[in-house]
Amino acid sequence: MNRSRGWLVISAGALASAALALALRGRAIRQNNAGKAPSGSSAAPTAPSTSATAAASLVPKAGPPPAEMRVDCSGFPQIPSATCIGLAPAAEKLLASANWVWVSGGKTCAGGLEGDQAAAAARALREAQGLAGKQLPPLERALLQNAALKLLSCSAGAEPKARAEIVRHAKALLKSLALSPEEIQNLPSTTPELTAWLGEANGWQRGTVRSHLHEASDGYAATVQRVKHADDYASIARLILVDTRGELHATDVISKVTLRRGTGDNLRACIATLDANSAHCGTAQLRPLPEELARLAIQQKPGAPPCRACHFAGHANTPTFGPSTGIAADAVNLDTAREPLSHALAQ
């Protein structure tokens, strides 16, 4: 696709179907209505010390409010519906429980397991135990295992009973859904597809200084690569998996890409996700989020600043880009994620 037809945020999380999209919308609405979470139900404090400084940068500075950021997915290619039999209901529930798409610097996991969401995640993990006995494609196993890893990493702030259940069932799924190192190496890459949308890869400069707000909001269950082209900024997140030997792997399967376009009063955003039904068919395809969900992610929930609080007037939290270029996964590593994920796995 010619990048001049552009779109703005691509996040490749796991949306399974229209029903899953509705579930996510209901989840966001419940969180908006809930307002403040009950005492003791904040998200897990698993981030390394660097995230505390980074989180402080999310607090809006004094001055006029930044312009609104609007959803604009014009030019995004239409993805055909998956032709194979869809996901099991237990898989849909698990992915929905782990698929918050907003970013917040105030809490390690963006408050994704606040209030009743921790109990819902525990139920989803419990119901997903039967998935291990099914003959699932490797890409679907990877997607489901990454959801369990994210919930495990974000569980520390949940109330004790829900936390204990999340830890127990998440660790069981990590083991039963694990792929061998060879199977992980052979997972389909979504980088070529992303290149087709963004244009010439060498036109994107790689970020060299960065905060870890996006990683922390996902419980460090994904690597994040930041790139820039003119006034376009992208954060490309890829799945982290645990292999059959219990070792962490950074993959080339894109799980979230955040691309912001424009400056000043013309900030635009589009959110797309790794389509879980496609993963069930063994193919890696990115699909735009429904506009209502994308808008919720951009505007944020109560107590968290919206994306425009940090990303306005050409501002990016990664101030230095280049001279290296490209969007391939060759520079991806586990440096940021290894410590918090090792802590979560040791529970």
C-alpha atoms as a PDB file:
ATOM      1  CA  MET A   1       0.000   0.000   0.000  1.00  0.00           C
ATOM      2  CA  ASN A   2       1.244   3.511  -0.785  1.00  0.00           C
ATOM      3  CA  ARG A   3       1.981   5.124   2.570  1.00  0.00           C
ATOM      4  CA  SER A   4       0.522   8.450   1.374  1.00  0.00           C
ATOM      5  CA  ARG A   5      -2.911   6.857   1.771  1.00  0.00           C
ATOM      6  CA  GLY A   6      -1.894   6.409   5.405  1.00  0.00           C
ATOM      7  CA  TRP A   7      -3.339   5.414   8.645  1.00  0.00           C
ATOM      8  CA  LEU A   8      -2.128   6.034  12.062  1.00  0.00           C
ATOM      9  CA  VAL A   9      -1.967   3.545  14.899  1.00  0.00           C
ATOM     10  CA  ILE A  10      -1.657  -0.132  14.257  1.00  0.00           C
ATOM     11  CA  SER A  11      -1.869  -2.215  17.378  1.00  0.00           C
ATOM     12  CA  ALA A  12      -1.767  -5.920  16.859  1.00  0.00           C
ATOM     13  CA  GLY A  13      -3.446  -7.368  19.902  1.00  0.00           C
ATOM     14  CA  ALA A  14      -5.864 -10.226  19.761  1.00  0.00           C
ATOM     15  CA  LEU A  15      -9.407  -9.557  18.595  1.00  0.00           C
ATOM     16  CA  ALA A  16     -11.131 -12.792  17.781  1.00  0.00           C
ATOM     17  CA  SER A  17     -14.452 -11.728  16.225  1.00  0.00           C
ATOM     18  CA  ALA A  18     -17.255  -9.206  16.305  1.00  0.00           C
ATOM     19  CA  ALA A  19     -18.436 -10.829  19.517  1.00  0.00           C
ATOM     20  CA  LEU A  20     -15.025 -10.314  21.052  1.00  0.00           C
ATOM     21  CA  ALA A  21     -15.080  -6.678  19.963  1.00  0.00           C
ATOM     22  CA  LEU A  22     -18.394  -6.206  21.754  1.00  0.00           C
ATOM     23  CA  ALA A  23     -16.968  -7.862  24.841  1.00  0.00           C
ATOM     24  CA  LEU A  24     -14.057  -5.460  24.831  1.00  0.00           C
ATOM     25  CA  ARG A  25     -16.360  -2.500  24.403  1.00  0.00           C
ATOM     26  CA  GLY A  26     -18.445  -3.642  27.366  1.00  0.00           C
ATOM     27  CA  ARG A  27     -15.283  -4.067  29.399  1.00  0.00           C
ATOM     28  CA  ALA A  28     -14.141  -0.526  28.647  1.00  0.00           C
ATOM     29  CA  ILE A  29     -17.567   0.889  29.456  1.00  0.00           C
ATOM     30  CA  ARG A  30     -17.662  -0.979  32.775  1.00  0.00           C
ATOM     31  CA  GLN A  31     -14.271   0.450  33.654  1.00  0.00           C
ATOM     32  CA  ASN A  32     -15.387   3.955  32.734  1.00  0.00           C
ATOM     33  CA  ASN A  33     -18.453   3.575  34.927  1.00  0.00           C
ATOM     34  CA  ALA A  34     -16.461   2.102  37.763  1.00  0.00           C
ATOM     35  CA  GLY A  35     -14.260   5.160  38.116  1.00  0.00           C
ATOM     36  CA  LYS A  36     -11.795   4.565  40.902  1.00  0.00           C
ATOM     37  CA  ALA A  37     -10.772   0.965  41.534  1.00  0.00           C
ATOM     38  CA  PRO A  38     -11.297  -0.492  44.996  1.00  0.00           C
ATOM     39  CA  SER A  39      -8.377  -0.304  47.377  1.00  0.00           C
ATOM     40  CA  GLY A  40      -5.821  -3.023  46.772  1.00  0.00           C
ATOM     41  CA  SER A  41      -6.921  -3.718  43.188  1.00  0.00           C
ATOM     42  CA  SER A  42      -4.360  -1.668  41.275  1.00  0.00           C
ATOM     43  CA  ALA A  43      -2.311  -3.273  38.497  1.00  0.00           C
ATOM     44  CA  ALA A  44       0.887  -5.155  39.150  1.00  0.00           C
ATOM     45  CA  PRO A  45       3.970  -3.159  40.183  1.00  0.00           C
ATOM     46  CA  THR A  46       6.276  -5.329  38.072  1.00  0.00           C
ATOM     47  CA  ALA A  47       7.998  -2.568  36.077  1.00  0.00           C
ATOM     48  CA  PRO A  48      11.699  -1.926  36.555  1.00  0.00           C
ATOM     49  CA  SER A  49      12.721   1.324  38.173  1.00  0.00           C
ATOM     50  CA  THR A  50      13.098   3.055  34.813  1.00  0.00           C
ATOM     51  CA  SER A  51       9.320   2.994  34.360  1.00  0.00           C
ATOM     52  CA  ALA A  52       8.735   5.226  37.383  1.00  0.00           C
ATOM     53  CA  THR A  53      10.631   8.057  35.719  1.00  0.00           C
ATOM     54  CA  ALA A  54       8.955   7.332  32.421  1.00  0.00           C
ATOM     55  CA  ALA A  55       5.531   7.323  34.049  1.00  0.00           C
ATOM     56  CA  ALA A  56       6.112  10.793  35.426  1.00  0.00           C
ATOM     57  CA  SER A  57       6.539  12.065  31.880  1.00  0.00           C
ATOM     58  CA  LEU A  58       2.914  11.145  31.172  1.00  0.00           C
ATOM     59  CA  VAL A  59       1.571  13.738  33.592  1.00  0.00           C
ATOM     60  CA  PRO A  60       0.260  16.590  31.419  1.00  0.00           C
ATOM     61  CA  LYS A  61       2.205  19.815  31.829  1.00  0.00           C
ATOM     62  CA  ALA A  62       0.544  23.137  32.615  1.00  0.00           C
ATOM     63  CA  GLY A  63      -0.676  25.099  29.614  1.00  0.00           C
ATOM     64  CA  PRO A  64      -3.428  24.921  26.996  1.00  0.00           C
ATOM     65  CA  PRO A  65      -4.924  21.457  26.461  1.00  0.00           C
ATOM     66  CA  PRO A  66      -3.559  19.582  23.435  1.00  0.00           C
ATOM     67  CA  ALA A  67      -5.751  19.097  20.391  1.00  0.00           C
ATOM     68  CA  GLU A  68      -8.052  16.104  20.184  1.00  0.00           C
ATOM     69  CA  MET A  69      -6.695  13.046  18.384  1.00  0.00           C
ATOM     70  CA  ARG A  70      -9.137  11.510  15.920  1.00  0.00           C
ATOM     71  CA  VAL A  71      -9.478   7.988  14.571  1.00  0.00           C
ATOM     72  CA  ASP A  72      -8.643   7.718  10.879  1.00  0.00           C
ATOM     73  CA  CYS A  73      -8.045   4.337   9.222  1.00  0.00           C
ATOM     74  CA  SER A  74      -8.525   5.546   5.654  1.00  0.00           C
ATOM     75  CA  GLY A  75      -6.471   3.548   3.189  1.00  0.00           C
ATOM     76  CA  PHE A  76      -6.072   0.567   5.498  1.00  0.00           C
ATOM     77  CA  PRO A  77      -6.444  -2.618   3.405  1.00  0.00           C
ATOM     78  CA  GLN A  78      -9.560  -4.691   3.871  1.00  0.00           C
ATOM     79  CA  ILE A  79      -8.782  -8.107   5.357  1.00  0.00           C
ATOM     80  CA  PRO A  80     -10.903 -11.051   4.145  1.00  0.00           C
ATOM     81  CA  SER A  81     -12.710 -13.017   6.814  1.00  0.00           C
ATOM     82  CA  ALA A  82     -11.091 -16.217   7.996  1.00  0.00           C
ATOM     83  CA  THR A  83     -12.416 -19.256   6.156  1.00  0.00           C
ATOM     84  CA  CYS A  84     -11.653 -21.984   8.701  1.00  0.00           C
ATOM     85  CA  ILE A  85     -13.728 -22.791  11.774  1.00  0.00           C
ATOM     86  CA  GLY A  86     -13.479 -20.011  14.349  1.00  0.00           C
ATOM     87  CA  LEU A  87     -11.985 -19.836  17.801  1.00  0.00           C
ATOM     88  CA  ALA A  88     -13.361 -21.800  20.718  1.00  0.00           C
ATOM     89  CA  PRO A  89     -15.394 -19.677  23.165  1.00  0.00           C
ATOM     90  CA  ALA A  90     -12.770 -20.281  25.876  1.00  0.00           C
ATOM     91  CA  ALA A  91     -10.082 -18.869  23.575  1.00  0.00           C
ATOM     92  CA  GLU A  92     -12.188 -15.789  22.841  1.00  0.00           C
ATOM     93  CA  LYS A  93     -12.694 -15.152  26.559  1.00  0.00           C
ATOM     94  CA  LEU A  94      -9.006 -15.513  27.323  1.00  0.00           C
ATOM     95  CA  LEU A  95      -7.969 -13.114  24.560  1.00  0.00           C
ATOM     96  CA  ALA A  96     -10.634 -10.599  25.571  1.00  0.00           C
ATOM     97  CA  SER A  97      -9.433 -10.655  29.189  1.00  0.00           C
ATOM     98  CA  ALA A  98      -5.877  -9.817  28.133  1.00  0.00           C
ATOM     99  CA  ASN A  99      -6.591  -7.410  25.286  1.00  0.00           C
ATOM    100  CA  TRP A 100      -6.706  -3.927  26.801  1.00  0.00           C
ATOM    101  CA  VAL A 101      -5.322  -1.570  24.181  1.00  0.00           C
ATOM    102  CA  TRP A 102      -4.829   1.650  26.128  1.00  0.00           C
ATOM    103  CA  VAL A 103      -1.547   2.927  27.563  1.00  0.00           C
ATOM    104  CA  SER A 104      -1.080   4.569  30.955  1.00  0.00           C
ATOM    105  CA  GLY A 105       2.074   5.655  32.723  1.00  0.00           C
ATOM    106  CA  GLY A 106       0.477   5.702  36.160  1.00  0.00           C
ATOM    107  CA  LYS A 107       0.079   1.923  36.443  1.00  0.00           C
ATOM    108  CA  THR A 108       2.280  -0.872  35.176  1.00  0.00           C
ATOM    109  CA  CYS A 109      -0.469  -2.622  33.253  1.00  0.00           C
ATOM    110  CA  ALA A 110      -2.630   0.425  32.525  1.00  0.00           C
ATOM    111  CA  GLY A 111      -5.151  -0.724  35.127  1.00  0.00           C
ATOM    112  CA  GLY A 112      -6.146  -3.675  32.942  1.00  0.00           C
ATOM    113  CA  LEU A 113      -6.853  -5.913  35.941  1.00  0.00           C
ATOM    114  CA  GLU A 114      -8.593  -3.444  38.198  1.00  0.00           C
ATOM    115  CA  GLY A 115     -11.771  -4.273  40.070  1.00  0.00           C
ATOM    116  CA  ASP A 116     -13.769  -7.219  38.733  1.00  0.00           C
ATOM    117  CA  GLN A 117     -11.442  -7.619  35.755  1.00  0.00           C
ATOM    118  CA  ALA A 118      -9.039  -9.711  37.845  1.00  0.00           C
ATOM    119  CA  ALA A 119     -11.785 -12.183  38.721  1.00  0.00           C
ATOM    120  CA  ALA A 120     -12.898 -12.283  35.069  1.00  0.00           C
ATOM    121  CA  ALA A 121      -9.331 -13.007  33.986  1.00  0.00           C
ATOM    122  CA  ALA A 122      -9.047 -15.804  36.548  1.00  0.00           C
ATOM    123  CA  ARG A 123     -12.252 -17.378  35.185  1.00  0.00           C
ATOM    124  CA  ALA A 124     -11.049 -17.061  31.593  1.00  0.00           C
ATOM    125  CA  LEU A 125      -7.747 -18.730  32.442  1.00  0.00           C
ATOM    126  CA  ARG A 126      -9.530 -21.531  34.276  1.00  0.00           C
ATOM    127  CA  GLU A 127     -11.899 -22.174  31.351  1.00  0.00           C
ATOM    128  CA  ALA A 128      -8.990 -22.106  28.897  1.00  0.00           C
ATOM    129  CA  GLN A 129      -7.249 -25.090  30.487  1.00  0.00           C
ATOM    130  CA  GLY A 130      -9.060 -27.445  28.114  1.00  0.00           C
ATOM    131  CA  LEU A 131      -7.568 -25.728  25.060  1.00  0.00           C
ATOM    132  CA  ALA A 132      -4.236 -27.460  25.596  1.00  0.00           C
ATOM    133  CA  GLY A 133      -5.722 -30.787  24.520  1.00  0.00           C
ATOM    134  CA  LYS A 134      -6.879 -29.435  21.162  1.00  0.00           C
ATOM    135  CA  GLN A 135      -4.853 -29.566  17.956  1.00  0.00           C
ATOM    136  CA  LEU A 136      -4.316 -25.828  17.632  1.00  0.00           C
ATOM    137  CA  PRO A 137      -2.156 -24.187  14.963  1.00  0.00           C
ATOM    138  CA  PRO A 138       1.192 -22.960  16.346  1.00  0.00           C
ATOM    139  CA  LEU A 139       0.281 -19.298  15.779  1.00  0.00           C
ATOM    140  CA  GLU A 140      -2.928 -19.638  17.795  1.00  0.00           C
ATOM    141  CA  ARG A 141      -1.042 -21.412  20.590  1.00  0.00           C
ATOM    142  CA  ALA A 142       1.434 -18.539  20.591  1.00  0.00           C
ATOM    143  CA  LEU A 143      -1.311 -15.933  20.784  1.00  0.00           C
ATOM    144  CA  LEU A 144      -3.069 -17.724  23.641  1.00  0.00           C
ATOM    145  CA  GLN A 145       0.157 -18.332  25.568  1.00  0.00           C
ATOM    146  CA  ASN A 146       1.108 -14.674  25.252  1.00  0.00           C
ATOM    147  CA  ALA A 147      -2.298 -13.694  26.687  1.00  0.00           C
ATOM    148  CA  ALA A 148      -1.634 -15.951  29.684  1.00  0.00           C
ATOM    149  CA  LEU A 149       1.851 -14.451  30.082  1.00  0.00           C
ATOM    150  CA  LYS A 150       0.420 -10.927  30.058  1.00  0.00           C
ATOM    151  CA  LEU A 151      -2.180 -11.790  32.712  1.00  0.00           C
ATOM    152  CA  LEU A 152       0.437 -13.488  34.869  1.00  0.00           C
ATOM    153  CA  SER A 153       2.744 -10.475  34.639  1.00  0.00           C
ATOM    154  CA  CYS A 154      -0.090  -8.093  35.535  1.00  0.00           C
ATOM    155  CA  SER A 155      -1.546 -10.129  38.413  1.00  0.00           C
ATOM    156  CA  ALA A 156       0.464  -8.816  41.362  1.00  0.00           C
ATOM    157  CA  GLY A 157      -1.930  -5.972  42.128  1.00  0.00           C
ATOM    158  CA  ALA A 158      -5.069  -8.141  42.150  1.00  0.00           C
ATOM    159  CA  GLU A 159      -6.738  -9.131  45.383  1.00  0.00           C
ATOM    160  CA  PRO A 160      -5.116 -12.257  46.886  1.00  0.00           C
ATOM    161  CA  LYS A 161      -7.720 -14.857  45.914  1.00  0.00           C
ATOM    162  CA  ALA A 162      -7.955 -13.748  42.271  1.00  0.00           C
ATOM    163  CA  ARG A 163      -4.202 -13.330  42.062  1.00  0.00           C
ATOM    164  CA  ALA A 164      -3.537 -16.851  43.306  1.00  0.00           C
ATOM    165  CA  GLU A 165      -5.965 -18.282  40.738  1.00  0.00           C
ATOM    166  CA  ILE A 166      -4.472 -16.203  37.912  1.00  0.00           C
ATOM    167  CA  VAL A 167      -0.948 -17.316  38.790  1.00  0.00           C
ATOM    168  CA  ARG A 168      -1.899 -20.988  39.047  1.00  0.00           C
ATOM    169  CA  HIS A 169      -3.874 -21.215  35.813  1.00  0.00           C
ATOM    170  CA  ALA A 170      -1.642 -18.877  33.801  1.00  0.00           C
ATOM    171  CA  LYS A 171       1.482 -20.883  34.631  1.00  0.00           C
ATOM    172  CA  ALA A 172      -0.305 -24.103  33.700  1.00  0.00           C
ATOM    173  CA  LEU A 173      -1.262 -22.636  30.314  1.00  0.00           C
ATOM    174  CA  LEU A 174       2.250 -21.337  29.708  1.00  0.00           C
ATOM    175  CA  LYS A 175       3.488 -24.898  30.007  1.00  0.00           C
ATOM    176  CA  SER A 176       0.697 -26.694  28.141  1.00  0.00           C
ATOM    177  CA  LEU A 177       0.630 -24.254  25.209  1.00  0.00           C
ATOM    178  CA  ALA A 178       4.412 -23.897  24.920  1.00  0.00           C
ATOM    179  CA  LEU A 179       6.060 -24.300  21.538  1.00  0.00           C
ATOM    180  CA  SER A 180       9.527 -25.713  20.968  1.00  0.00           C
ATOM    181  CA  PRO A 181      12.314 -23.282  20.018  1.00  0.00           C
ATOM    182  CA  GLU A 182      12.084 -24.625  16.452  1.00  0.00           C
ATOM    183  CA  GLU A 183       8.320 -24.062  16.289  1.00  0.00           C
ATOM    184  CA  ILE A 184       8.764 -20.513  17.581  1.00  0.00           C
ATOM    185  CA  GLN A 185      11.431 -19.872  14.958  1.00  0.00           C
ATOM    186  CA  ASN A 186       9.018 -21.041  12.244  1.00  0.00           C
ATOM    187  CA  LEU A 187       6.064 -18.854  13.273  1.00  0.00           C
ATOM    188  CA  PRO A 188       4.849 -16.620  10.430  1.00  0.00           C
ATOM    189  CA  SER A 189       6.299 -13.125  10.406  1.00  0.00           C
ATOM    190  CA  THR A 190       4.013 -10.107  10.073  1.00  0.00           C
ATOM    191  CA  THR A 191       6.852  -7.692   9.283  1.00  0.00           C
ATOM    192  CA  PRO A 192       6.555  -8.114   5.469  1.00  0.00           C
ATOM    193  CA  GLU A 193       2.846  -7.301   5.670  1.00  0.00           C
ATOM    194  CA  LEU A 194       3.605  -4.223   7.753  1.00  0.00           C
ATOM    195  CA  THR A 195       6.231  -3.130   5.226  1.00  0.00           C
ATOM    196  CA  ALA A 196       3.626  -3.301   2.490  1.00  0.00           C
ATOM    197  CA  TRP A 197       1.450  -0.860   4.459  1.00  0.00           C
ATOM    198  CA  LEU A 198       4.139   1.549   5.633  1.00  0.00           C
ATOM    199  CA  GLY A 199       6.160   1.738   2.463  1.00  0.00           C
ATOM    200  CA  GLU A 200       9.931   1.465   2.120  1.00  0.00           C
ATOM    201  CA  ALA A 201      11.287   0.145   5.407  1.00  0.00           C
ATOM    202  CA  ASN A 202      14.535   2.082   5.109  1.00  0.00           C
ATOM    203  CA  GLY A 203      12.543   5.312   5.221  1.00  0.00           C
ATOM    204  CA  TRP A 204      11.786   4.702   8.904  1.00  0.00           C
ATOM    205  CA  GLN A 205      14.410   5.769  11.438  1.00  0.00           C
ATOM    206  CA  ARG A 206      14.754   3.677  14.593  1.00  0.00           C
ATOM    207  CA  GLY A 207      14.430   5.273  17.999  1.00  0.00           C
ATOM    208  CA  THR A 208      17.533   5.256  20.205  1.00  0.00           C
ATOM    209  CA  VAL A 209      16.213   6.743  23.483  1.00  0.00           C
ATOM    210  CA  ARG A 210      12.909   5.584  24.841  1.00  0.00           C
ATOM    211  CA  SER A 211      10.622   5.258  27.811  1.00  0.00           C
ATOM    212  CA  HIS A 212       8.892   1.966  28.558  1.00  0.00           C
ATOM    213  CA  LEU A 213       5.277   3.115  28.957  1.00  0.00           C
ATOM    214  CA  HIS A 214       3.896   0.959  26.169  1.00  0.00           C
ATOM    215  CA  GLU A 215       5.764  -2.127  27.375  1.00  0.00           C
ATOM    216  CA  ALA A 216       4.608  -1.585  30.959  1.00  0.00           C
ATOM    217  CA  SER A 217       0.988  -1.204  29.884  1.00  0.00           C
ATOM    218  CA  ASP A 218       1.175  -4.681  28.326  1.00  0.00           C
ATOM    219  CA  GLY A 219       2.896  -6.245  31.325  1.00  0.00           C
ATOM    220  CA  TYR A 220       6.162  -6.466  29.360  1.00  0.00           C
ATOM    221  CA  ALA A 221       4.696  -9.370  27.373  1.00  0.00           C
ATOM    222  CA  ALA A 222       5.822  -7.797  24.095  1.00  0.00           C
ATOM    223  CA  THR A 223       8.941  -6.166  22.729  1.00  0.00           C
ATOM    224  CA  VAL A 224       8.465  -2.633  21.382  1.00  0.00           C
ATOM    225  CA  GLN A 225      10.386  -1.098  18.508  1.00  0.00           C
ATOM    226  CA  ARG A 226       9.915   2.644  17.892  1.00  0.00           C
ATOM    227  CA  VAL A 227      10.376   4.195  14.454  1.00  0.00           C
ATOM    228  CA  LYS A 228       9.773   7.573  12.797  1.00  0.00           C
ATOM    229  CA  HIS A 229       9.162   8.812   9.258  1.00  0.00           C
ATOM    230  CA  ALA A 230       8.663  12.582   8.880  1.00  0.00           C
ATOM    231  CA  ASP A 231       5.665  13.337  11.171  1.00  0.00           C
ATOM    232  CA  ASP A 232       4.650   9.683  11.525  1.00  0.00           C
ATOM    233  CA  TYR A 233       5.657   7.748  14.664  1.00  0.00           C
ATOM    234  CA  ALA A 234       5.184   3.998  15.099  1.00  0.00           C
ATOM    235  CA  SER A 235       5.620   1.636  18.032  1.00  0.00           C
ATOM    236  CA  ILE A 236       5.827  -1.937  16.763  1.00  0.00           C
ATOM    237  CA  ALA A 237       5.207  -4.563  19.435  1.00  0.00           C
ATOM    238  CA  ARG A 238       5.913  -8.265  18.950  1.00  0.00           C
ATOM    239  CA  LEU A 239       4.918 -11.322  20.996  1.00  0.00           C
ATOM    240  CA  ILE A 240       7.182 -12.680  23.704  1.00  0.00           C
ATOM    241  CA  LEU A 241       6.768 -16.420  24.285  1.00  0.00           C
ATOM    242  CA  VAL A 242       7.976 -19.084  26.724  1.00  0.00           C
ATOM    243  CA  ASP A 243       9.299 -22.236  25.030  1.00  0.00           C
ATOM    244  CA  THR A 244       9.067 -25.862  26.156  1.00  0.00           C
ATOM    245  CA  ARG A 245      12.281 -25.426  28.159  1.00  0.00           C
ATOM    246  CA  GLY A 246      10.890 -22.433  30.046  1.00  0.00           C
ATOM    247  CA  GLU A 247      13.055 -19.905  28.195  1.00  0.00           C
ATOM    248  CA  LEU A 248      11.815 -16.532  26.922  1.00  0.00           C
ATOM    249  CA  HIS A 249      11.795 -15.751  23.197  1.00  0.00           C
ATOM    250  CA  ALA A 250      11.330 -12.460  21.338  1.00  0.00           C
ATOM    251  CA  THR A 251       9.427 -13.277  18.140  1.00  0.00           C
ATOM    252  CA  ASP A 252       8.704 -11.548  14.845  1.00  0.00           C
ATOM    253  CA  VAL A 253       4.940 -11.924  15.277  1.00  0.00           C
ATOM    254  CA  ILE A 254       3.567  -8.394  15.583  1.00  0.00           C
ATOM    255  CA  SER A 255       1.197  -8.056  18.527  1.00  0.00           C
ATOM    256  CA  LYS A 256       0.783  -4.295  18.638  1.00  0.00           C
ATOM    257  CA  VAL A 257       1.822  -1.408  16.409  1.00  0.00           C
ATOM    258  CA  THR A 258       1.073   2.144  17.413  1.00  0.00           C
ATOM    259  CA  LEU A 259       1.384   4.610  14.524  1.00  0.00           C
ATOM    260  CA  ARG A 260       0.558   8.288  15.017  1.00  0.00           C
ATOM    261  CA  ARG A 261       0.332  10.757  12.131  1.00  0.00           C
ATOM    262  CA  GLY A 262       0.156  14.499  11.803  1.00  0.00           C
ATOM    263  CA  THR A 263       1.052  17.432  14.011  1.00  0.00           C
ATOM    264  CA  GLY A 264      -0.658  20.192  15.972  1.00  0.00           C
ATOM    265  CA  ASP A 265      -4.424  20.123  15.502  1.00  0.00           C
ATOM    266  CA  ASN A 266      -4.266  17.367  12.892  1.00  0.00           C
ATOM    267  CA  LEU A 267      -3.321  14.319  14.959  1.00  0.00           C
ATOM    268  CA  ARG A 268      -4.860  11.116  13.622  1.00  0.00           C
ATOM    269  CA  ALA A 269      -4.895   7.539  14.898  1.00  0.00           C
ATOM    270  CA  CYS A 270      -5.932   4.116  13.624  1.00  0.00           C
ATOM    271  CA  ILE A 271      -5.761   0.917  15.647  1.00  0.00           C
ATOM    272  CA  ALA A 272      -5.571  -2.529  14.078  1.00  0.00           C
ATOM    273  CA  THR A 273      -5.073  -5.883  15.759  1.00  0.00           C
ATOM    274  CA  LEU A 274      -3.654  -9.274  14.918  1.00  0.00           C
ATOM    275  CA  ASP A 275      -6.818 -11.063  13.910  1.00  0.00           C
ATOM    276  CA  ALA A 276      -7.175 -14.098  16.156  1.00  0.00           C
ATOM    277  CA  ASN A 277      -9.494 -15.928  13.749  1.00  0.00           C
ATOM    278  CA  SER A 278      -6.758 -15.649  11.140  1.00  0.00           C
ATOM    279  CA  ALA A 279      -4.279 -17.002  13.681  1.00  0.00           C
ATOM    280  CA  HIS A 280      -6.636 -19.946  14.164  1.00  0.00           C
ATOM    281  CA  CYS A 281      -6.268 -20.519  10.421  1.00  0.00           C
ATOM    282  CA  GLY A 282      -2.481 -20.328  10.739  1.00  0.00           C
ATOM    283  CA  THR A 283      -2.047 -16.941   9.056  1.00  0.00           C
ATOM    284  CA  ALA A 284      -0.918 -13.639  10.599  1.00  0.00           C
ATOM    285  CA  GLN A 285      -3.145 -10.758   9.502  1.00  0.00           C
ATOM    286  CA  LEU A 286      -3.646  -7.345  11.066  1.00  0.00           C
ATOM    287  CA  ARG A 287      -7.151  -5.896  11.210  1.00  0.00           C
ATOM    288  CA  PRO A 288      -8.349  -2.404  12.274  1.00  0.00           C
ATOM    289  CA  LEU A 289     -10.200  -2.162  15.569  1.00  0.00           C
ATOM    290  CA  PRO A 290     -13.805  -0.993  15.406  1.00  0.00           C
ATOM    291  CA  GLU A 291     -13.782   2.790  15.583  1.00  0.00           C
ATOM    292  CA  GLU A 292     -15.650   2.882  18.905  1.00  0.00           C
ATOM    293  CA  LEU A 293     -12.954   0.761  20.564  1.00  0.00           C
ATOM    294  CA  ALA A 294     -10.151   2.754  18.973  1.00  0.00           C
ATOM    295  CA  ARG A 295     -11.743   5.938  20.294  1.00  0.00           C
ATOM    296  CA  LEU A 296     -11.953   4.492  23.806  1.00  0.00           C
ATOM    297  CA  ALA A 297      -8.263   3.570  23.662  1.00  0.00           C
ATOM    298  CA  ILE A 298      -7.275   7.044  22.496  1.00  0.00           C
ATOM    299  CA  GLN A 299      -9.427   8.923  25.009  1.00  0.00           C
ATOM    300  CA  GLN A 300      -8.460   6.655  27.920  1.00  0.00           C
ATOM    301  CA  LYS A 301     -10.445   5.736  30.990  1.00  0.00           C
ATOM    302  CA  PRO A 302     -10.867   7.878  34.140  1.00  0.00           C
ATOM    303  CA  GLY A 303      -7.631   8.622  35.953  1.00  0.00           C
ATOM    304  CA  ALA A 304      -5.349   8.133  32.946  1.00  0.00           C
ATOM    305  CA  PRO A 305      -4.247  10.820  30.504  1.00  0.00           C
ATOM    306  CA  PRO A 306      -5.372  10.419  26.875  1.00  0.00           C
ATOM    307  CA  CYS A 307      -2.807   9.726  24.146  1.00  0.00           C
ATOM    308  CA  ARG A 308      -2.865  13.411  23.162  1.00  0.00           C
ATOM    309  CA  ALA A 309      -1.480  14.365  26.600  1.00  0.00           C
ATOM    310  CA  CYS A 310       1.897  13.009  25.482  1.00  0.00           C
ATOM    311  CA  HIS A 311       1.651  12.889  21.704  1.00  0.00           C
ATOM    312  CA  PHE A 312       0.933  16.401  20.491  1.00  0.00           C
ATOM    313  CA  ALA A 313       2.680  19.120  18.498  1.00  0.00           C
ATOM    314  CA  GLY A 314       5.078  16.548  17.052  1.00  0.00           C
ATOM    315  CA  HIS A 315       6.089  15.346  20.520  1.00  0.00           C
ATOM    316  CA  ALA A 316       7.219  11.750  20.995  1.00  0.00           C
ATOM    317  CA  ASN A 317       8.494  10.149  24.174  1.00  0.00           C
ATOM    318  CA  THR A 318      11.381   8.777  22.112  1.00  0.00           C
ATOM    319  CA  PRO A 319      13.154  12.029  21.241  1.00  0.00           C
ATOM    320  CA  THR A 320      16.110  10.582  19.307  1.00  0.00           C
ATOM    321  CA  PHE A 321      15.785   8.633  16.047  1.00  0.00           C
ATOM    322  CA  GLY A 322      18.406   7.351  13.611  1.00  0.00           C
ATOM    323  CA  PRO A 323      20.826   6.965  12.053  1.00  0.00           C
ATOM    324  CA  SER A 324      19.845   3.262  11.790  1.00  0.00           C
ATOM    325  CA  THR A 325      16.687   2.550   9.811  1.00  0.00           C
ATOM    326  CA  GLY A 326      14.206  -0.251   9.146  1.00  0.00           C
ATOM    327  CA  ILE A 327      11.256  -2.015  10.791  1.00  0.00           C
ATOM    328  CA  ALA A 328      12.581  -5.587  10.764  1.00  0.00           C
ATOM    329  CA  ALA A 329      12.913  -7.521  14.015  1.00  0.00           C
ATOM    330  CA  ASP A 330      16.702  -7.807  13.781  1.00  0.00           C
ATOM    331  CA  ALA A 331      17.168  -5.220  16.558  1.00  0.00           C
ATOM    332  CA  VAL A 332      14.482  -6.688  18.845  1.00  0.00           C
ATOM    333  CA  ASN A 333      15.674  -8.126  22.155  1.00  0.00           C
ATOM    334  CA  LEU A 334      14.503  -9.013  25.668  1.00  0.00           C
ATOM    335  CA  ASP A 335      16.578  -6.423  27.529  1.00  0.00           C
ATOM    336  CA  THR A 336      13.571  -4.488  28.849  1.00  0.00           C
ATOM    337  CA  ALA A 337      11.256  -7.444  29.447  1.00  0.00           C
ATOM    338  CA  ARG A 338      13.553 -10.078  30.923  1.00  0.00           C
ATOM    339  CA  GLU A 339      13.614  -8.806  34.526  1.00  0.00           C
ATOM    340  CA  PRO A 340       9.852  -8.213  35.044  1.00  0.00           C
ATOM    341  CA  LEU A 341       8.879 -11.386  33.198  1.00  0.00           C
ATOM    342  CA  SER A 342      11.401 -13.500  35.105  1.00  0.00           C
ATOM    343  CA  HIS A 343       9.935 -12.062  38.326  1.00  0.00           C
ATOM    344  CA  ALA A 344       6.407 -12.956  37.177  1.00  0.00           C
ATOM    345  CA  LEU A 345       7.389 -16.501  36.166  1.00  0.00           C
ATOM    346  CA  ALA A 346       9.049 -17.047  39.565  1.00  0.00           C
ATOM    347  CA  GLN A 347       5.747 -16.546  41.440  1.00  0.00           C
END
